[in-house]
Amino acid sequence: INTSNFSKTHNIAPEEYGTGTAVACVILGLSFLIGVPGNLFVIWTILRSMKRRSHTVMLILHLAVADTVVLITLPLWIYSMAHTWEFGEGTCKALVYFISTCMYSSIFFITLMSVERFVAISHPFVMLRWGNKSFMNRFLLFLWLLAFSMGTPAILTQSLNETDGVTQCFFREFSSDTQAIIIVCLETVAGFVLPLIILSICSCHVSMKIKKLSFNSKPKSVVLVHAVVIAFILCWLPHHIINIIDVVCLLISDTEHEYVPEYLVFSSGALVFISSSVNPMLYAFFAKNFRGSLEGSRLVRLFQEMTTYTNKLRDLAVQQQSEQGPSTQEEFISDSTC
């Protein structure tokens, strides 16, 4: 099997330098210059200015940490693309593993933002019962452990490749076509398809529920959450489309050849890194009209609005369920104990 066909998000270089390499270098360079300071500023703002952190703020904090870890490795990949990999196979496997883990965790945190709003408006009594800090911390720990387990295939398959005297850490070596198909399909389903389905269901359900509650206000924080989700889809979709094409071609063809041009594989892989750098720009854009002398105070106002809006939706849902009678409350409370 031609392992270059299954380049993952961190497999950001083809065997030969060309258009794809140049485009990827530009994308990765901009992602690093914009994303690292932006995410660090978000982390600093939350830790310094928000002593009481809601679930939404905690998700934003963990999302910024995961994105920062991904982005700080970019100089090594850019240097490797321009020269050669000089850091050994162990470092190669370790870096790729941590990148995979943090990218999975970012996806999980984005998905959980929508799930939390869904639970707040659809099962408000469950939210009241289980919406405490300790429960959220345990759930965040679970998501991190899940992400670490999902990144394990990177350790098993990542390897160094030498071509014309140049060593690169951009190849995945599978023991068989079956192993390649299983791993790539699992990563596509768990890392994109399932989160996308969950995001779509939660968003649609919340929108319909808001209409029933006659809650017409739509603050910037709602548009921000939608923008984060749209950015996630746009950045990841090309990469997973290429993966699906490779799997389909591998299933119907017994010959080894490049199913997708290298420059497309390379560019789509680099595009994924934008998803780790775009969120701070979205926060800054939606916070610019808030009053405040400093950017940090505007971000705090934005994050507080996100929390307030979710709480208002939950309170309205609680009020609606209370008006329906005690039996409804008991039903929701019993659901929370299952």
Protein backbone atom coordinates (compact mmCIF):
# COMPACT_ATOMS: atom_id res chain seq x y z
CA ILE A 1 0.00 0.00 0.00
CA ASN A 2 1.17 3.50 -0.80
CA THR A 3 1.11 4.99 2.67
CA SER A 4 1.34 8.55 1.36
CA ASN A 5 -2.26 8.20 0.24
CA PHE A 6 -3.31 8.08 3.87
CA SER A 7 -1.56 11.23 5.05
CA LYS A 8 -3.34 12.45 8.14
CA THR A 9 -3.72 15.98 9.44
CA HIS A 10 -0.15 16.09 10.65
CA ASN A 11 1.28 14.32 7.60
CA ILE A 12 1.92 17.62 5.97
CA ALA A 13 4.47 16.90 3.30
CA PRO A 14 4.62 14.88 0.10
CA GLU A 15 7.67 13.07 -1.17
CA GLU A 16 8.60 15.88 -3.52
CA TYR A 17 8.49 19.61 -3.07
CA GLY A 18 6.15 21.59 -5.25
CA THR A 19 2.99 23.60 -5.21
CA GLY A 20 1.49 21.68 -2.32
CA THR A 21 4.58 22.26 -0.18
CA ALA A 22 4.61 26.00 -0.81
CA VAL A 23 0.90 26.36 -0.08
CA ALA A 24 1.19 24.26 3.06
CA CYS A 25 4.16 26.29 4.34
CA VAL A 26 2.19 29.51 3.97
CA ILE A 27 -0.87 28.04 5.69
CA LEU A 28 1.15 26.57 8.54
CA GLY A 29 3.18 29.74 9.02
CA LEU A 30 0.09 31.93 9.23
CA SER A 31 -1.62 29.43 11.52
CA PHE A 32 1.35 29.57 13.91
CA LEU A 33 1.73 33.36 13.88
CA ILE A 34 -1.99 33.97 14.44
CA GLY A 35 -3.09 30.94 16.39
CA VAL A 36 -0.44 30.65 19.11
CA PRO A 37 -0.66 34.26 20.41
CA GLY A 38 -4.44 34.19 20.03
CA ASN A 39 -4.98 30.97 21.97
CA LEU A 40 -2.48 31.99 24.66
CA PHE A 41 -4.35 35.27 25.07
CA VAL A 42 -7.64 33.39 25.48
CA ILE A 43 -6.06 31.11 28.12
CA TRP A 44 -4.53 34.08 29.94
CA THR A 45 -7.82 36.01 29.90
CA ILE A 46 -9.85 33.13 31.33
CA LEU A 47 -7.32 32.20 34.04
CA ARG A 48 -6.70 35.81 35.08
CA SER A 49 -10.12 37.44 34.77
CA MET A 50 -12.71 34.70 35.20
CA LYS A 51 -12.52 33.20 38.68
CA ARG A 52 -15.99 31.66 38.41
CA ARG A 53 -15.93 29.62 35.22
CA SER A 54 -19.04 28.11 33.73
CA HIS A 55 -19.09 24.89 31.75
CA THR A 56 -18.93 26.83 28.50
CA VAL A 57 -15.89 28.81 29.65
CA MET A 58 -14.16 25.62 30.79
CA LEU A 59 -14.73 24.10 27.35
CA ILE A 60 -13.28 27.19 25.68
CA LEU A 61 -10.26 27.01 28.02
CA HIS A 62 -9.55 23.34 27.27
CA LEU A 63 -10.15 23.96 23.56
CA ALA A 64 -7.57 26.77 23.57
CA VAL A 65 -5.05 24.56 25.41
CA ALA A 66 -5.47 21.72 22.91
CA ASP A 67 -5.18 24.07 19.93
CA THR A 68 -2.05 25.68 21.38
CA VAL A 69 -0.31 22.32 21.79
CA VAL A 70 -1.05 21.53 18.14
CA LEU A 71 0.17 24.89 16.84
CA ILE A 72 3.45 25.13 18.78
CA THR A 73 4.75 22.11 16.86
CA LEU A 74 4.37 23.82 13.48
CA PRO A 75 7.91 25.31 13.26
CA LEU A 76 9.32 21.76 13.41
CA TRP A 77 7.11 20.64 10.51
CA ILE A 78 7.90 23.72 8.43
CA TYR A 79 11.62 23.20 9.01
CA SER A 80 11.29 19.53 8.11
CA MET A 81 9.48 20.40 4.88
CA ALA A 82 12.23 22.82 3.90
CA HIS A 83 15.14 20.58 4.93
CA THR A 84 14.89 17.15 6.56
CA TRP A 85 13.67 15.50 9.75
CA GLU A 86 16.56 15.58 12.23
CA PHE A 87 14.86 14.64 15.49
CA GLY A 88 14.64 10.83 15.36
CA GLU A 89 11.79 8.37 15.00
CA GLY A 90 10.80 8.49 18.68
CA THR A 91 10.25 12.24 18.55
CA CYS A 92 8.35 11.80 15.30
CA LYS A 93 5.92 9.31 16.83
CA ALA A 94 5.52 11.32 20.03
CA LEU A 95 4.75 14.61 18.28
CA VAL A 96 2.32 13.04 15.85
CA TYR A 97 0.59 11.27 18.73
CA PHE A 98 0.13 14.47 20.74
CA ILE A 99 -1.09 16.35 17.65
CA SER A 100 -3.64 13.63 16.93
CA THR A 101 -4.77 13.60 20.56
CA CYS A 102 -5.20 17.37 20.75
CA MET A 103 -7.05 17.52 17.45
CA TYR A 104 -9.49 14.86 18.64
CA SER A 105 -9.96 16.68 21.94
CA SER A 106 -10.67 19.96 20.10
CA ILE A 107 -13.40 18.26 18.10
CA PHE A 108 -14.88 16.71 21.24
CA PHE A 109 -14.94 20.07 23.08
CA ILE A 110 -16.64 21.83 20.17
CA THR A 111 -19.24 19.07 20.05
CA LEU A 112 -19.80 19.22 23.81
CA MET A 113 -20.61 22.95 23.59
CA SER A 114 -23.64 22.12 21.47
CA VAL A 115 -24.56 19.10 23.60
CA GLU A 116 -24.55 21.24 26.75
CA ARG A 117 -26.97 23.73 25.22
CA PHE A 118 -29.13 20.84 24.03
CA VAL A 119 -29.30 19.34 27.53
CA ALA A 120 -29.95 22.75 29.10
CA ILE A 121 -33.03 23.37 27.00
CA SER A 122 -34.32 19.81 26.51
CA HIS A 123 -33.59 18.30 29.96
CA PRO A 124 -33.26 21.31 32.28
CA PHE A 125 -33.76 19.33 35.47
CA VAL A 126 -30.97 16.98 34.45
CA MET A 127 -28.79 20.04 33.87
CA LEU A 128 -29.65 21.40 37.31
CA ARG A 129 -28.85 18.10 38.98
CA TRP A 130 -25.67 17.18 37.13
CA GLY A 131 -24.47 20.60 36.04
CA ASN A 132 -21.96 21.01 38.84
CA LYS A 133 -18.25 21.66 38.59
CA SER A 134 -17.08 18.22 39.74
CA PHE A 135 -19.23 16.45 37.14
CA MET A 136 -17.89 18.70 34.40
CA ASN A 137 -14.29 18.08 35.47
CA ARG A 138 -14.84 14.32 35.37
CA PHE A 139 -16.39 14.57 31.94
CA LEU A 140 -13.51 16.70 30.64
CA LEU A 141 -11.07 14.12 31.98
CA PHE A 142 -13.03 11.40 30.18
CA LEU A 143 -12.85 13.33 26.89
CA TRP A 144 -9.10 13.80 27.25
CA LEU A 145 -8.61 10.09 27.95
CA LEU A 146 -10.79 9.24 24.96
CA ALA A 147 -8.72 11.55 22.78
CA PHE A 148 -5.48 9.96 24.01
CA SER A 149 -6.84 6.52 23.15
CA MET A 150 -8.00 7.69 19.70
CA GLY A 151 -4.49 8.96 18.97
CA THR A 152 -2.90 5.55 19.62
CA PRO A 153 -2.87 4.48 15.92
CA ALA A 154 -0.39 7.29 15.26
CA ILE A 155 2.18 5.56 17.47
CA LEU A 156 1.59 2.22 15.79
CA THR A 157 1.72 3.41 12.18
CA GLN A 158 3.83 6.57 12.02
CA SER A 159 7.31 6.04 10.59
CA LEU A 160 10.22 7.87 9.03
CA ASN A 161 10.70 7.75 5.28
CA GLU A 162 13.90 8.50 3.38
CA THR A 163 13.84 9.60 -0.26
CA ASP A 164 16.92 10.82 -2.11
CA GLY A 165 18.79 11.23 1.15
CA VAL A 166 16.04 13.33 2.74
CA THR A 167 14.30 11.93 5.83
CA GLN A 168 10.73 12.94 6.61
CA CYS A 169 8.21 12.21 9.37
CA PHE A 170 5.21 12.27 7.06
CA PHE A 171 4.44 8.62 6.34
CA ARG A 172 2.16 6.08 7.90
CA GLU A 173 3.12 2.46 7.45
CA PHE A 174 0.22 -0.01 7.56
CA SER A 175 0.70 -3.75 7.80
CA SER A 176 -2.11 -4.40 5.32
CA ASP A 177 -4.82 -2.75 3.27
CA THR A 178 -7.36 -3.98 5.79
CA GLN A 179 -5.58 -2.27 8.66
CA ALA A 180 -5.36 0.96 6.66
CA ILE A 181 -9.05 0.93 5.80
CA ILE A 182 -10.14 0.16 9.38
CA ILE A 183 -7.98 2.88 10.94
CA VAL A 184 -8.84 5.56 8.40
CA CYS A 185 -12.57 4.77 8.52
CA LEU A 186 -12.52 4.79 12.32
CA GLU A 187 -10.78 8.15 12.41
CA THR A 188 -13.14 9.65 9.83
CA VAL A 189 -16.25 8.40 11.60
CA ALA A 190 -15.12 9.26 15.15
CA GLY A 191 -13.35 12.48 14.22
CA PHE A 192 -15.86 13.95 11.79
CA VAL A 193 -19.02 12.05 10.90
CA LEU A 194 -20.31 11.38 14.44
CA PRO A 195 -19.47 14.88 15.75
CA LEU A 196 -21.13 16.40 12.70
CA ILE A 197 -24.29 14.32 13.24
CA ILE A 198 -24.38 15.25 16.94
CA LEU A 199 -23.82 18.94 16.17
CA SER A 200 -26.58 18.94 13.55
CA ILE A 201 -29.12 17.18 15.78
CA CYS A 202 -28.39 19.42 18.76
CA SER A 203 -28.51 22.64 16.72
CA CYS A 204 -31.79 21.75 15.02
CA HIS A 205 -33.43 20.62 18.23
CA VAL A 206 -32.33 23.71 20.15
CA SER A 207 -33.59 26.00 17.36
CA MET A 208 -37.02 24.35 17.38
CA LYS A 209 -37.17 24.43 21.17
CA ILE A 210 -36.29 28.13 21.27
CA LYS A 211 -39.20 28.89 18.94
CA LYS A 212 -41.59 26.99 21.23
CA LEU A 213 -40.28 28.96 24.21
CA SER A 214 -40.87 32.22 22.32
CA PHE A 215 -37.31 33.29 23.11
CA ASN A 216 -36.60 35.71 20.28
CA SER A 217 -33.34 37.15 21.52
CA LYS A 218 -30.28 35.94 19.62
CA PRO A 219 -27.09 37.35 21.14
CA LYS A 220 -23.69 37.30 19.50
CA SER A 221 -22.62 34.29 21.53
CA VAL A 222 -25.13 32.11 19.64
CA VAL A 223 -23.77 33.22 16.28
CA LEU A 224 -20.25 32.64 17.64
CA VAL A 225 -20.99 29.00 18.49
CA HIS A 226 -22.41 28.47 15.00
CA ALA A 227 -19.33 30.15 13.48
CA VAL A 228 -17.00 27.83 15.42
CA VAL A 229 -18.94 24.80 14.18
CA ILE A 230 -18.93 26.04 10.56
CA ALA A 231 -15.18 26.68 10.72
CA PHE A 232 -14.66 23.16 12.03
CA ILE A 233 -16.66 21.68 9.13
CA LEU A 234 -14.95 23.76 6.44
CA CYS A 235 -11.44 23.01 7.72
CA TRP A 236 -11.92 19.28 8.17
CA LEU A 237 -14.22 18.39 5.28
CA PRO A 238 -11.60 18.38 2.44
CA HIS A 239 -9.27 16.17 4.48
CA HIS A 240 -11.94 13.56 5.19
CA ILE A 241 -13.24 13.62 1.61
CA ILE A 242 -9.74 12.73 0.43
CA ASN A 243 -9.56 9.93 3.00
CA ILE A 244 -12.88 8.52 1.79
CA ILE A 245 -11.73 8.70 -1.84
CA ASP A 246 -8.55 6.83 -0.96
CA VAL A 247 -10.46 4.11 0.88
CA VAL A 248 -12.95 3.66 -1.97
CA CYS A 249 -10.19 3.51 -4.58
CA LEU A 250 -8.27 1.03 -2.47
CA LEU A 251 -11.32 -1.22 -2.22
CA ILE A 252 -11.99 -1.26 -5.96
CA SER A 253 -8.40 -1.35 -7.20
CA ASP A 254 -5.62 -3.87 -6.57
CA THR A 255 -2.86 -1.74 -8.04
CA GLU A 256 -0.73 0.66 -6.06
CA HIS A 257 -0.94 4.20 -7.36
CA GLU A 258 -1.66 7.69 -6.14
CA TYR A 259 -5.42 8.07 -5.94
CA VAL A 260 -5.39 11.81 -5.12
CA PRO A 261 -2.73 14.31 -6.29
CA GLU A 262 -0.12 14.91 -3.63
CA TYR A 263 -0.61 18.67 -3.63
CA LEU A 264 -4.29 18.21 -2.73
CA VAL A 265 -3.48 15.76 0.06
CA PHE A 266 -0.78 18.08 1.31
CA SER A 267 -2.86 21.27 1.16
CA SER A 268 -5.95 19.72 2.75
CA GLY A 269 -3.81 18.35 5.59
CA ALA A 270 -2.36 21.79 6.24
CA LEU A 271 -5.82 23.35 6.04
CA VAL A 272 -6.85 21.39 9.14
CA PHE A 273 -4.40 23.43 11.21
CA ILE A 274 -6.47 26.52 10.48
CA SER A 275 -9.19 25.04 12.69
CA SER A 276 -6.77 25.36 15.62
CA SER A 277 -6.02 29.01 14.91
CA VAL A 278 -9.35 30.41 13.73
CA ASN A 279 -11.24 30.33 17.04
CA PRO A 280 -9.34 33.24 18.70
CA MET A 281 -10.02 35.33 15.59
CA LEU A 282 -13.72 34.53 15.88
CA TYR A 283 -13.71 35.45 19.57
CA ALA A 284 -12.02 38.78 18.80
CA PHE A 285 -14.45 39.54 15.97
CA PHE A 286 -17.56 38.92 18.04
CA ALA A 287 -16.14 40.72 21.09
CA LYS A 288 -15.12 43.90 19.28
CA ASN A 289 -18.43 45.71 19.90
CA PHE A 290 -18.52 44.98 23.61
CA ARG A 291 -17.61 47.88 25.87
CA GLY A 292 -14.23 47.67 27.48
CA SER A 293 -10.90 49.42 27.47
CA LEU A 294 -8.95 46.22 26.95
CA GLU A 295 -9.42 43.29 24.59
CA GLY A 296 -9.35 40.94 27.56
CA SER A 297 -12.32 42.63 29.20
CA ARG A 298 -14.28 42.37 25.95
CA LEU A 299 -13.57 38.67 25.75
CA VAL A 300 -14.75 38.26 29.32
CA ARG A 301 -18.01 40.01 28.42
CA LEU A 302 -18.45 37.71 25.42
CA PHE A 303 -17.83 34.55 27.43
CA GLN A 304 -20.15 35.77 30.18
CA GLU A 305 -22.88 36.34 27.61
CA MET A 306 -22.47 32.77 26.37
CA THR A 307 -22.99 31.51 29.89
CA THR A 308 -25.93 33.84 30.57
CA TYR A 309 -27.73 32.82 27.40
CA THR A 310 -27.46 29.11 28.19
CA ASN A 311 -28.73 29.74 31.72
CA LYS A 312 -31.68 31.74 30.40
CA LEU A 313 -32.62 28.92 28.06
CA ARG A 314 -32.41 26.43 30.92
CA ASP A 315 -34.53 28.63 33.22
CA LEU A 316 -37.20 29.08 30.55
CA ALA A 317 -37.27 25.34 29.96
CA VAL A 318 -37.56 24.72 33.71
CA GLN A 319 -40.42 27.20 33.92
CA GLN A 320 -42.20 25.55 31.01
CA GLN A 321 -41.80 22.08 32.51
CA SER A 322 -42.94 23.32 35.92
CA GLU A 323 -46.11 24.74 34.42
CA GLN A 324 -46.87 21.31 32.98
CA GLY A 325 -47.11 19.84 36.44
CA PRO A 326 -45.06 17.95 39.04
CA SER A 327 -45.19 14.74 37.02
CA THR A 328 -43.00 16.28 34.34
CA GLN A 329 -40.44 17.39 36.90
CA GLU A 330 -40.33 13.94 38.42
CA GLU A 331 -39.82 12.47 34.95
CA PHE A 332 -36.85 14.72 34.28
CA ILE A 333 -35.32 14.05 37.69
CA SER A 334 -35.73 10.30 37.22
CA ASP A 335 -34.02 10.62 33.82
CA SER A 336 -31.02 12.20 35.50
CA THR A 337 -30.57 9.20 37.80
CA CYS A 338 -30.41 6.68 34.96
